[in-house]
C-alpha atoms as a PDB file:
ATOM      1  CA  MET A   1       5.564  10.721  64.513  1.00  0.00           C
ATOM      2  CA  LYS A   2       2.910  12.324  62.335  1.00  0.00           C
ATOM      3  CA  SER A   3       1.078  15.441  63.371  1.00  0.00           C
ATOM      4  CA  TYR A   4      -2.268  14.546  64.926  1.00  0.00           C
ATOM      5  CA  THR A   5      -3.966  16.298  61.977  1.00  0.00           C
ATOM      6  CA  GLU A   6      -2.565  13.601  59.692  1.00  0.00           C
ATOM      7  CA  LEU A   7      -3.900  10.700  61.764  1.00  0.00           C
ATOM      8  CA  GLU A   8      -6.768   8.718  60.258  1.00  0.00           C
ATOM      9  CA  VAL A   9      -8.370   8.327  63.695  1.00  0.00           C
ATOM     10  CA  TRP A  10      -8.493  12.106  64.182  1.00  0.00           C
ATOM     11  CA  MET A  11      -9.757  12.749  60.654  1.00  0.00           C
ATOM     12  CA  GLN A  12     -12.544  10.178  61.003  1.00  0.00           C
ATOM     13  CA  ALA A  13     -13.513  11.615  64.383  1.00  0.00           C
ATOM     14  CA  ARG A  14     -13.936  14.998  62.663  1.00  0.00           C
ATOM     15  CA  VAL A  15     -16.139  13.380  60.017  1.00  0.00           C
ATOM     16  CA  LEU A  16     -18.250  11.950  62.835  1.00  0.00           C
ATOM     17  CA  VAL A  17     -18.557  15.370  64.493  1.00  0.00           C
ATOM     18  CA  ASN A  18     -19.806  16.890  61.249  1.00  0.00           C
ATOM     19  CA  ALA A  19     -22.323  14.071  60.803  1.00  0.00           C
ATOM     20  CA  VAL A  20     -23.561  14.603  64.363  1.00  0.00           C
ATOM     21  CA  TYR A  21     -24.032  18.316  63.768  1.00  0.00           C
ATOM     22  CA  GLU A  22     -25.975  17.630  60.584  1.00  0.00           C
ATOM     23  CA  LEU A  23     -28.125  15.035  62.323  1.00  0.00           C
ATOM     24  CA  THR A  24     -28.921  17.197  65.349  1.00  0.00           C
ATOM     25  CA  LYS A  25     -29.987  20.216  63.292  1.00  0.00           C
ATOM     26  CA  LYS A  26     -33.484  18.751  63.106  1.00  0.00           C
ATOM     27  CA  PHE A  27     -33.828  18.016  66.831  1.00  0.00           C
ATOM     28  CA  PRO A  28     -36.645  19.835  68.648  1.00  0.00           C
ATOM     29  CA  LYS A  29     -35.803  23.400  69.666  1.00  0.00           C
ATOM     30  CA  GLU A  30     -36.598  22.627  73.289  1.00  0.00           C
ATOM     31  CA  GLU A  31     -33.697  20.160  73.264  1.00  0.00           C
ATOM     32  CA  VAL A  32     -31.111  22.745  72.218  1.00  0.00           C
ATOM     33  CA  PHE A  33     -29.788  22.925  75.797  1.00  0.00           C
ATOM     34  CA  GLY A  34     -30.545  19.267  76.466  1.00  0.00           C
ATOM     35  CA  ILE A  35     -29.618  16.257  74.407  1.00  0.00           C
ATOM     36  CA  THR A  36     -28.613  18.295  71.346  1.00  0.00           C
ATOM     37  CA  SER A  37     -25.951  20.125  73.305  1.00  0.00           C
ATOM     38  CA  GLN A  38     -24.847  16.968  75.114  1.00  0.00           C
ATOM     39  CA  ILE A  39     -24.485  14.971  71.883  1.00  0.00           C
ATOM     40  CA  ARG A  40     -22.477  17.728  70.243  1.00  0.00           C
ATOM     41  CA  ARG A  41     -20.179  18.107  73.258  1.00  0.00           C
ATOM     42  CA  SER A  42     -19.549  14.364  73.377  1.00  0.00           C
ATOM     43  CA  ALA A  43     -18.755  14.281  69.663  1.00  0.00           C
ATOM     44  CA  ILE A  44     -16.445  17.306  69.844  1.00  0.00           C
ATOM     45  CA  SER A  45     -14.566  15.733  72.755  1.00  0.00           C
ATOM     46  CA  ILE A  46     -13.444  12.789  70.637  1.00  0.00           C
ATOM     47  CA  PRO A  47     -11.080  14.528  68.166  1.00  0.00           C
ATOM     48  CA  SER A  48     -10.229  17.153  70.801  1.00  0.00           C
ATOM     49  CA  ASP A  49      -8.991  14.551  73.282  1.00  0.00           C
ATOM     50  CA  ILE A  50      -7.096  12.692  70.556  1.00  0.00           C
ATOM     51  CA  ALA A  51      -5.330  15.960  69.730  1.00  0.00           C
ATOM     52  CA  GLU A  52      -4.665  16.742  73.377  1.00  0.00           C
ATOM     53  CA  GLY A  53      -3.261  13.265  73.952  1.00  0.00           C
ATOM     54  CA  CYS A  54      -0.915  13.629  70.989  1.00  0.00           C
ATOM     55  CA  GLY A  55       0.312  16.898  72.468  1.00  0.00           C
ATOM     56  CA  ARG A  56       1.310  15.308  75.749  1.00  0.00           C
ATOM     57  CA  SER A  57       4.908  14.573  76.605  1.00  0.00           C
ATOM     58  CA  SER A  58       4.608  10.974  77.734  1.00  0.00           C
ATOM     59  CA  THR A  59       3.074   7.797  76.389  1.00  0.00           C
ATOM     60  CA  LYS A  60       1.161   7.336  79.640  1.00  0.00           C
ATOM     61  CA  GLU A  61      -0.463  10.772  79.308  1.00  0.00           C
ATOM     62  CA  THR A  62      -1.254  10.176  75.644  1.00  0.00           C
ATOM     63  CA  ILE A  63      -2.975   6.877  76.425  1.00  0.00           C
ATOM     64  CA  HIS A  64      -4.928   8.560  79.223  1.00  0.00           C
ATOM     65  CA  PHE A  65      -6.425  11.085  76.786  1.00  0.00           C
ATOM     66  CA  LEU A  66      -7.088   8.406  74.178  1.00  0.00           C
ATOM     67  CA  PHE A  67      -9.120   6.545  76.795  1.00  0.00           C
ATOM     68  CA  ILE A  68     -11.033   9.744  77.549  1.00  0.00           C
ATOM     69  CA  ALA A  69     -11.761  10.079  73.802  1.00  0.00           C
ATOM     70  CA  ARG A  70     -12.986   6.486  73.771  1.00  0.00           C
ATOM     71  CA  GLY A  71     -15.246   7.185  76.736  1.00  0.00           C
ATOM     72  CA  SER A  72     -16.736  10.149  74.886  1.00  0.00           C
ATOM     73  CA  LEU A  73     -17.336   7.923  71.879  1.00  0.00           C
ATOM     74  CA  TYR A  74     -19.297   5.450  74.012  1.00  0.00           C
ATOM     75  CA  GLU A  75     -21.174   8.349  75.607  1.00  0.00           C
ATOM     76  CA  LEU A  76     -22.084   9.649  72.148  1.00  0.00           C
ATOM     77  CA  GLU A  77     -23.247   6.204  71.073  1.00  0.00           C
ATOM     78  CA  THR A  78     -25.592   5.978  74.065  1.00  0.00           C
ATOM     79  CA  GLN A  79     -26.998   9.440  73.381  1.00  0.00           C
ATOM     80  CA  LEU A  80     -27.683   8.476  69.775  1.00  0.00           C
ATOM     81  CA  TYR A  81     -29.643   5.424  70.952  1.00  0.00           C
ATOM     82  CA  LEU A  82     -31.585   7.660  73.339  1.00  0.00           C
ATOM     83  CA  SER A  83     -32.308  10.063  70.478  1.00  0.00           C
ATOM     84  CA  ASN A  84     -33.739   7.159  68.543  1.00  0.00           C
ATOM     85  CA  ASP A  85     -35.817   6.142  71.573  1.00  0.00           C
ATOM     86  CA  GLN A  86     -37.248   9.673  71.656  1.00  0.00           C
ATOM     87  CA  LYS A  87     -37.919   9.534  67.893  1.00  0.00           C
ATOM     88  CA  TYR A  88     -35.546  12.452  67.213  1.00  0.00           C
ATOM     89  CA  ILE A  89     -33.724  10.235  64.711  1.00  0.00           C
ATOM     90  CA  THR A  90     -35.004   7.322  62.681  1.00  0.00           C
ATOM     91  CA  GLN A  91     -33.702   3.777  62.909  1.00  0.00           C
ATOM     92  CA  GLU A  92     -32.124   4.269  59.496  1.00  0.00           C
ATOM     93  CA  GLU A  93     -30.327   7.425  60.642  1.00  0.00           C
ATOM     94  CA  LEU A  94     -29.150   5.623  63.768  1.00  0.00           C
ATOM     95  CA  GLU A  95     -27.779   2.708  61.757  1.00  0.00           C
ATOM     96  CA  LYS A  96     -26.012   5.039  59.335  1.00  0.00           C
ATOM     97  CA  ILE A  97     -24.252   7.065  62.019  1.00  0.00           C
ATOM     98  CA  GLN A  98     -23.588   3.897  64.012  1.00  0.00           C
ATOM     99  CA  GLN A  99     -21.384   2.734  61.121  1.00  0.00           C
ATOM    100  CA  GLN A 100     -19.251   5.845  61.617  1.00  0.00           C
ATOM    101  CA  VAL A 101     -19.163   5.277  65.379  1.00  0.00           C
ATOM    102  CA  ILE A 102     -17.971   1.702  64.851  1.00  0.00           C
ATOM    103  CA  ALA A 103     -15.290   2.835  62.404  1.00  0.00           C
ATOM    104  CA  CYS A 104     -14.043   5.388  64.943  1.00  0.00           C
ATOM    105  CA  LYS A 105     -14.044   2.759  67.705  1.00  0.00           C
ATOM    106  CA  LYS A 106     -11.868   0.454  65.606  1.00  0.00           C
ATOM    107  CA  LEU A 107      -9.424   3.215  64.701  1.00  0.00           C
ATOM    108  CA  LEU A 108      -9.245   4.517  68.262  1.00  0.00           C
ATOM    109  CA  ASN A 109      -8.752   1.059  69.756  1.00  0.00           C
ATOM    110  CA  GLY A 110      -6.008   0.419  67.217  1.00  0.00           C
ATOM    111  CA  PHE A 111      -4.324   3.702  68.104  1.00  0.00           C
ATOM    112  CA  ILE A 112      -4.537   2.919  71.825  1.00  0.00           C
ATOM    113  CA  ASN A 113      -2.990  -0.521  71.212  1.00  0.00           C
ATOM    114  CA  TYR A 114      -0.224   1.098  69.137  1.00  0.00           C
ATOM    115  CA  TYR A 115       0.638   3.422  72.037  1.00  0.00           C
ATOM    116  CA  LYS A 116       0.479   0.624  74.595  1.00  0.00           C
ATOM    117  CA  LYS A 117       3.168  -1.260  72.658  1.00  0.00           C
ATOM    118  CA  ARG A 118       5.538   1.732  72.567  1.00  0.00           C
END
């Protein structure tokens, strides 16, 4: 098995985290402890939980953490829509980052299915 740092799903999740940080830099200062912090925590949880799952000793535990990562990805997606609702990001910015979210969903679902078949 590859190291988690060599997994495409983990690498793409890191790309998403960096995009989220770049996007949230322009959020209002009063949101620094609100949605900005929440979005960043959700994004960071995705590659972190993938890594933690890969470090577990059983397939069942690994799948559990992959599902947690997937939940964080859906949480992030919702927060991005809410940021658009609040006009913190434009529709164009939402659509651009949504492409990365979708790519991560596909990779993560594929990785979960791979582990389920083991």
